[in-house]
């Protein structure tokens, strides 16, 4: 919705509740970033995410947090939180803040061209790398929530998500 505005303006709009509050932009994510490589802020219940298999350090890693509602799973506009982090070649680490323990799933894509959307070809096949928590097997169907969901206890959780590419799956 605000993808044509400069990122600092989007961050300002989010800070004052004008833009979708569930969207966490690059300017805001610095408070969520790993502080010392060992975890998130102590006082914050979080999911600690490591995105693996990033081939190029260009663009942005986009992470959507989903709850246990199957009808909302992998629908970006229905994500609880969306985080945008600069991509680093190899791995990118960040934290997703959550309000309470429960069942969650994380969907990720690498927005290499920073156009604020998950690019797909004419047939709906992803052009950009993607991944899900629990690293389920991909096929010709969209993964189900049960394949990506995991429990987050009171002390938070760790997840490693390995990016995949459509050509790797289709070959």
C-alpha atoms as a PDB file:
ATOM      1  CA  UNK A   1       0.000   0.000   0.000  1.00  0.00           C
ATOM      2  CA  UNK A   2       2.836   2.416   0.889  1.00  0.00           C
ATOM      3  CA  UNK A   3       5.500   0.784  -1.254  1.00  0.00           C
ATOM      4  CA  UNK A   4       6.071   3.863  -3.432  1.00  0.00           C
ATOM      5  CA  UNK A   5       6.994   6.057  -0.471  1.00  0.00           C
ATOM      6  CA  UNK A   6      10.568   6.294   0.816  1.00  0.00           C
ATOM      7  CA  UNK A   7      11.212   3.901   3.717  1.00  0.00           C
ATOM      8  CA  UNK A   8      11.796   6.650   6.340  1.00  0.00           C
ATOM      9  CA  UNK A   9       8.360   8.068   5.548  1.00  0.00           C
ATOM     10  CA  UNK A  10       6.764   4.618   5.843  1.00  0.00           C
ATOM     11  CA  UNK A  11       8.485   4.166   9.225  1.00  0.00           C
ATOM     12  CA  UNK A  12       7.121   7.534  10.336  1.00  0.00           C
ATOM     13  CA  UNK A  13       3.601   6.564   9.212  1.00  0.00           C
ATOM     14  CA  UNK A  14       3.869   3.266  11.105  1.00  0.00           C
ATOM     15  CA  UNK A  15       5.147   4.979  14.235  1.00  0.00           C
ATOM     16  CA  UNK A  16       2.107   7.241  14.359  1.00  0.00           C
ATOM     17  CA  UNK A  17      -0.423   4.554  13.454  1.00  0.00           C
ATOM     18  CA  UNK A  18      -1.183   5.954   9.999  1.00  0.00           C
ATOM     19  CA  UNK A  19       0.203   2.929   8.130  1.00  0.00           C
ATOM     20  CA  UNK A  20      -0.577  -0.682   9.019  1.00  0.00           C
ATOM     21  CA  UNK A  21       0.841  -1.203  12.490  1.00  0.00           C
ATOM     22  CA  UNK A  22       1.542  -4.864  11.705  1.00  0.00           C
ATOM     23  CA  UNK A  23       4.164  -3.787   9.165  1.00  0.00           C
ATOM     24  CA  UNK A  24       7.613  -3.367  10.688  1.00  0.00           C
ATOM     25  CA  UNK A  25       9.880  -1.487   8.314  1.00  0.00           C
ATOM     26  CA  UNK A  26      13.655  -1.326   7.959  1.00  0.00           C
ATOM     27  CA  UNK A  27      13.875   1.755  10.172  1.00  0.00           C
ATOM     28  CA  UNK A  28      12.004   0.059  13.025  1.00  0.00           C
ATOM     29  CA  UNK A  29      13.591  -3.378  12.779  1.00  0.00           C
ATOM     30  CA  UNK A  30      16.924  -2.268  14.247  1.00  0.00           C
ATOM     31  CA  UNK A  31      15.391  -2.636  17.710  1.00  0.00           C
ATOM     32  CA  UNK A  32      14.488  -6.236  16.865  1.00  0.00           C
ATOM     33  CA  UNK A  33      17.813  -7.236  15.387  1.00  0.00           C
ATOM     34  CA  UNK A  34      20.024  -9.702  17.250  1.00  0.00           C
ATOM     35  CA  UNK A  35      21.967  -7.703  19.804  1.00  0.00           C
ATOM     36  CA  UNK A  36      24.988  -9.977  20.203  1.00  0.00           C
ATOM     37  CA  UNK A  37      24.244 -12.940  17.977  1.00  0.00           C
ATOM     38  CA  UNK A  38      22.882 -14.937  20.919  1.00  0.00           C
ATOM     39  CA  UNK A  39      19.323 -13.715  21.066  1.00  0.00           C
ATOM     40  CA  UNK A  40      16.754 -10.955  21.226  1.00  0.00           C
ATOM     41  CA  UNK A  41      16.115  -8.371  23.884  1.00  0.00           C
ATOM     42  CA  UNK A  42      15.736 -10.121  27.231  1.00  0.00           C
ATOM     43  CA  UNK A  43      12.448  -8.481  28.147  1.00  0.00           C
ATOM     44  CA  UNK A  44      10.785  -9.272  24.833  1.00  0.00           C
ATOM     45  CA  UNK A  45       9.067 -12.578  23.997  1.00  0.00           C
ATOM     46  CA  UNK A  46      10.400 -13.363  20.528  1.00  0.00           C
ATOM     47  CA  UNK A  47      10.954 -15.877  17.792  1.00  0.00           C
ATOM     48  CA  UNK A  48      14.638 -15.860  16.876  1.00  0.00           C
ATOM     49  CA  UNK A  49      14.972 -16.437  13.137  1.00  0.00           C
ATOM     50  CA  UNK A  50      17.975 -17.437  11.045  1.00  0.00           C
ATOM     51  CA  UNK A  51      17.418 -17.335   7.285  1.00  0.00           C
ATOM     52  CA  UNK A  52      19.926 -19.614   5.570  1.00  0.00           C
ATOM     53  CA  UNK A  53      20.973 -20.170   1.944  1.00  0.00           C
ATOM     54  CA  UNK A  54      20.861 -16.511   0.852  1.00  0.00           C
ATOM     55  CA  UNK A  55      22.776 -16.470  -2.407  1.00  0.00           C
ATOM     56  CA  UNK A  56      23.214 -12.695  -2.767  1.00  0.00           C
ATOM     57  CA  UNK A  57      23.307  -9.958  -0.165  1.00  0.00           C
ATOM     58  CA  UNK A  58      21.116  -7.629  -2.182  1.00  0.00           C
ATOM     59  CA  UNK A  59      17.535  -6.634  -1.495  1.00  0.00           C
ATOM     60  CA  UNK A  60      15.443  -7.463   1.529  1.00  0.00           C
ATOM     61  CA  UNK A  61      14.359 -10.526   3.486  1.00  0.00           C
ATOM     62  CA  UNK A  62      10.622 -10.285   4.155  1.00  0.00           C
ATOM     63  CA  UNK A  63       9.177 -12.358   7.015  1.00  0.00           C
ATOM     64  CA  UNK A  64       5.475 -12.815   7.730  1.00  0.00           C
ATOM     65  CA  UNK A  65       4.351 -14.196  11.080  1.00  0.00           C
ATOM     66  CA  UNK A  66       1.141 -16.247  11.015  1.00  0.00           C
ATOM     67  CA  UNK A  67      -0.953 -17.663  13.848  1.00  0.00           C
ATOM     68  CA  UNK A  68      -2.964 -20.894  13.918  1.00  0.00           C
ATOM     69  CA  UNK A  69      -5.692 -19.729  11.488  1.00  0.00           C
ATOM     70  CA  UNK A  70      -5.387 -21.833   8.305  1.00  0.00           C
ATOM     71  CA  UNK A  71      -7.472 -19.363   6.269  1.00  0.00           C
ATOM     72  CA  UNK A  72      -4.874 -16.605   6.903  1.00  0.00           C
ATOM     73  CA  UNK A  73      -1.771 -18.714   6.245  1.00  0.00           C
ATOM     74  CA  UNK A  74       0.519 -17.316   3.503  1.00  0.00           C
ATOM     75  CA  UNK A  75      -1.778 -14.385   2.861  1.00  0.00           C
ATOM     76  CA  UNK A  76       0.541 -11.429   3.345  1.00  0.00           C
ATOM     77  CA  UNK A  77      -2.240  -8.968   4.125  1.00  0.00           C
ATOM     78  CA  UNK A  78      -3.400 -11.230   6.972  1.00  0.00           C
ATOM     79  CA  UNK A  79      -0.011 -11.758   8.615  1.00  0.00           C
ATOM     80  CA  UNK A  80       0.247 -10.792  12.276  1.00  0.00           C
ATOM     81  CA  UNK A  81       3.543  -9.017  11.655  1.00  0.00           C
ATOM     82  CA  UNK A  82       5.666  -8.367   8.582  1.00  0.00           C
ATOM     83  CA  UNK A  83       9.354  -7.647   9.052  1.00  0.00           C
ATOM     84  CA  UNK A  84      11.688  -6.368   6.341  1.00  0.00           C
ATOM     85  CA  UNK A  85      15.426  -6.889   6.956  1.00  0.00           C
ATOM     86  CA  UNK A  86      18.365  -6.121   4.671  1.00  0.00           C
ATOM     87  CA  UNK A  87      19.609  -9.386   3.162  1.00  0.00           C
ATOM     88  CA  UNK A  88      23.118 -10.587   3.943  1.00  0.00           C
ATOM     89  CA  UNK A  89      24.836 -13.172   1.770  1.00  0.00           C
ATOM     90  CA  UNK A  90      24.780 -16.553   3.501  1.00  0.00           C
ATOM     91  CA  UNK A  91      22.597 -15.826   6.541  1.00  0.00           C
ATOM     92  CA  UNK A  92      20.361 -13.102   7.933  1.00  0.00           C
ATOM     93  CA  UNK A  93      19.331 -13.118  11.603  1.00  0.00           C
ATOM     94  CA  UNK A  94      16.525 -11.198  13.289  1.00  0.00           C
ATOM     95  CA  UNK A  95      13.851 -11.438  15.962  1.00  0.00           C
ATOM     96  CA  UNK A  96      10.081 -11.388  15.586  1.00  0.00           C
ATOM     97  CA  UNK A  97       8.354  -9.996  18.687  1.00  0.00           C
ATOM     98  CA  UNK A  98       5.210 -11.798  19.824  1.00  0.00           C
ATOM     99  CA  UNK A  99       2.676 -10.943  22.496  1.00  0.00           C
ATOM    100  CA  UNK A 100       2.108 -14.425  23.950  1.00  0.00           C
ATOM    101  CA  UNK A 101       3.225 -18.034  23.654  1.00  0.00           C
ATOM    102  CA  UNK A 102       1.311 -20.147  21.150  1.00  0.00           C
ATOM    103  CA  UNK A 103       1.379 -21.802  17.744  1.00  0.00           C
ATOM    104  CA  UNK A 104       2.970 -19.785  14.941  1.00  0.00           C
ATOM    105  CA  UNK A 105       4.403 -20.177  11.437  1.00  0.00           C
ATOM    106  CA  UNK A 106       6.876 -17.959   9.599  1.00  0.00           C
ATOM    107  CA  UNK A 107       6.869 -17.419   5.829  1.00  0.00           C
ATOM    108  CA  UNK A 108       9.876 -15.758   4.191  1.00  0.00           C
ATOM    109  CA  UNK A 109      10.841 -14.492   0.772  1.00  0.00           C
ATOM    110  CA  UNK A 110      13.911 -12.701  -0.561  1.00  0.00           C
ATOM    111  CA  UNK A 111      12.765  -9.480  -2.248  1.00  0.00           C
ATOM    112  CA  UNK A 112      15.931  -9.172  -4.317  1.00  0.00           C
ATOM    113  CA  UNK A 113      14.723  -6.219  -6.396  1.00  0.00           C
ATOM    114  CA  UNK A 114      13.144  -4.383  -3.419  1.00  0.00           C
ATOM    115  CA  UNK A 115       9.835  -3.832  -5.184  1.00  0.00           C
ATOM    116  CA  UNK A 116       7.868  -4.735  -1.999  1.00  0.00           C
ATOM    117  CA  UNK A 117       6.156  -7.773  -3.539  1.00  0.00           C
ATOM    118  CA  UNK A 118       6.780 -11.507  -3.973  1.00  0.00           C
ATOM    119  CA  UNK A 119       7.465 -11.769  -7.694  1.00  0.00           C
ATOM    120  CA  UNK A 120       5.930 -14.674  -9.600  1.00  0.00           C
ATOM    121  CA  UNK A 121       5.855 -15.558 -13.281  1.00  0.00           C
ATOM    122  CA  UNK A 122       2.798 -15.836 -15.542  1.00  0.00           C
ATOM    123  CA  UNK A 123       1.978 -19.294 -14.151  1.00  0.00           C
ATOM    124  CA  UNK A 124       2.248 -18.161 -10.500  1.00  0.00           C
ATOM    125  CA  UNK A 125       5.624 -19.834  -9.959  1.00  0.00           C
ATOM    126  CA  UNK A 126       7.867 -17.800  -7.616  1.00  0.00           C
ATOM    127  CA  UNK A 127      10.745 -15.907  -9.227  1.00  0.00           C
ATOM    128  CA  UNK A 128      12.279 -15.092  -5.838  1.00  0.00           C
ATOM    129  CA  UNK A 129      13.630 -17.422  -3.152  1.00  0.00           C
ATOM    130  CA  UNK A 130      11.237 -18.400  -0.349  1.00  0.00           C
ATOM    131  CA  UNK A 131      11.016 -20.513   2.772  1.00  0.00           C
ATOM    132  CA  UNK A 132       8.834 -21.595   5.682  1.00  0.00           C
ATOM    133  CA  UNK A 133       9.444 -22.497   9.295  1.00  0.00           C
ATOM    134  CA  UNK A 134      10.060 -26.240   9.730  1.00  0.00           C
ATOM    135  CA  UNK A 135      11.427 -26.279   6.142  1.00  0.00           C
ATOM    136  CA  UNK A 136       8.644 -28.499   4.744  1.00  0.00           C
ATOM    137  CA  UNK A 137       8.992 -30.377   1.470  1.00  0.00           C
ATOM    138  CA  UNK A 138       7.680 -28.329  -1.414  1.00  0.00           C
ATOM    139  CA  UNK A 139       5.762 -29.713  -4.334  1.00  0.00           C
ATOM    140  CA  UNK A 140       3.196 -28.531  -6.810  1.00  0.00           C
ATOM    141  CA  UNK A 141       0.784 -27.477  -4.067  1.00  0.00           C
ATOM    142  CA  UNK A 142       0.941 -24.695  -1.526  1.00  0.00           C
ATOM    143  CA  UNK A 143       2.230 -25.979   1.853  1.00  0.00           C
ATOM    144  CA  UNK A 144      -0.296 -26.356   4.666  1.00  0.00           C
ATOM    145  CA  UNK A 145      -0.154 -24.509   7.955  1.00  0.00           C
ATOM    146  CA  UNK A 146       0.399 -27.775   9.873  1.00  0.00           C
ATOM    147  CA  UNK A 147       3.652 -28.324   7.961  1.00  0.00           C
ATOM    148  CA  UNK A 148       5.110 -24.964   9.007  1.00  0.00           C
ATOM    149  CA  UNK A 149       3.555 -24.409  12.449  1.00  0.00           C
ATOM    150  CA  UNK A 150       5.577 -24.712  15.644  1.00  0.00           C
ATOM    151  CA  UNK A 151       5.011 -24.046  19.342  1.00  0.00           C
ATOM    152  CA  UNK A 152       6.519 -20.992  20.991  1.00  0.00           C
ATOM    153  CA  UNK A 153       6.875 -21.418  24.785  1.00  0.00           C
ATOM    154  CA  UNK A 154       7.170 -18.619  27.355  1.00  0.00           C
ATOM    155  CA  UNK A 155      10.917 -18.182  26.731  1.00  0.00           C
ATOM    156  CA  UNK A 156      10.564 -17.815  22.937  1.00  0.00           C
ATOM    157  CA  UNK A 157      11.736 -20.085  20.150  1.00  0.00           C
ATOM    158  CA  UNK A 158      14.454 -20.484  17.551  1.00  0.00           C
ATOM    159  CA  UNK A 159      13.863 -21.374  13.925  1.00  0.00           C
ATOM    160  CA  UNK A 160      16.213 -21.800  10.966  1.00  0.00           C
ATOM    161  CA  UNK A 161      14.583 -21.303   7.577  1.00  0.00           C
ATOM    162  CA  UNK A 162      16.412 -22.456   4.475  1.00  0.00           C
ATOM    163  CA  UNK A 163      15.526 -20.501   1.348  1.00  0.00           C
ATOM    164  CA  UNK A 164      14.469 -22.525  -1.675  1.00  0.00           C
ATOM    165  CA  UNK A 165      13.996 -21.604  -5.310  1.00  0.00           C
ATOM    166  CA  UNK A 166      11.220 -22.815  -7.572  1.00  0.00           C
ATOM    167  CA  UNK A 167      13.699 -24.192 -10.116  1.00  0.00           C
ATOM    168  CA  UNK A 168      15.330 -26.341  -7.403  1.00  0.00           C
ATOM    169  CA  UNK A 169      11.950 -27.833  -6.484  1.00  0.00           C
ATOM    170  CA  UNK A 170      10.682 -28.327 -10.041  1.00  0.00           C
ATOM    171  CA  UNK A 171      13.880 -30.087 -11.233  1.00  0.00           C
END
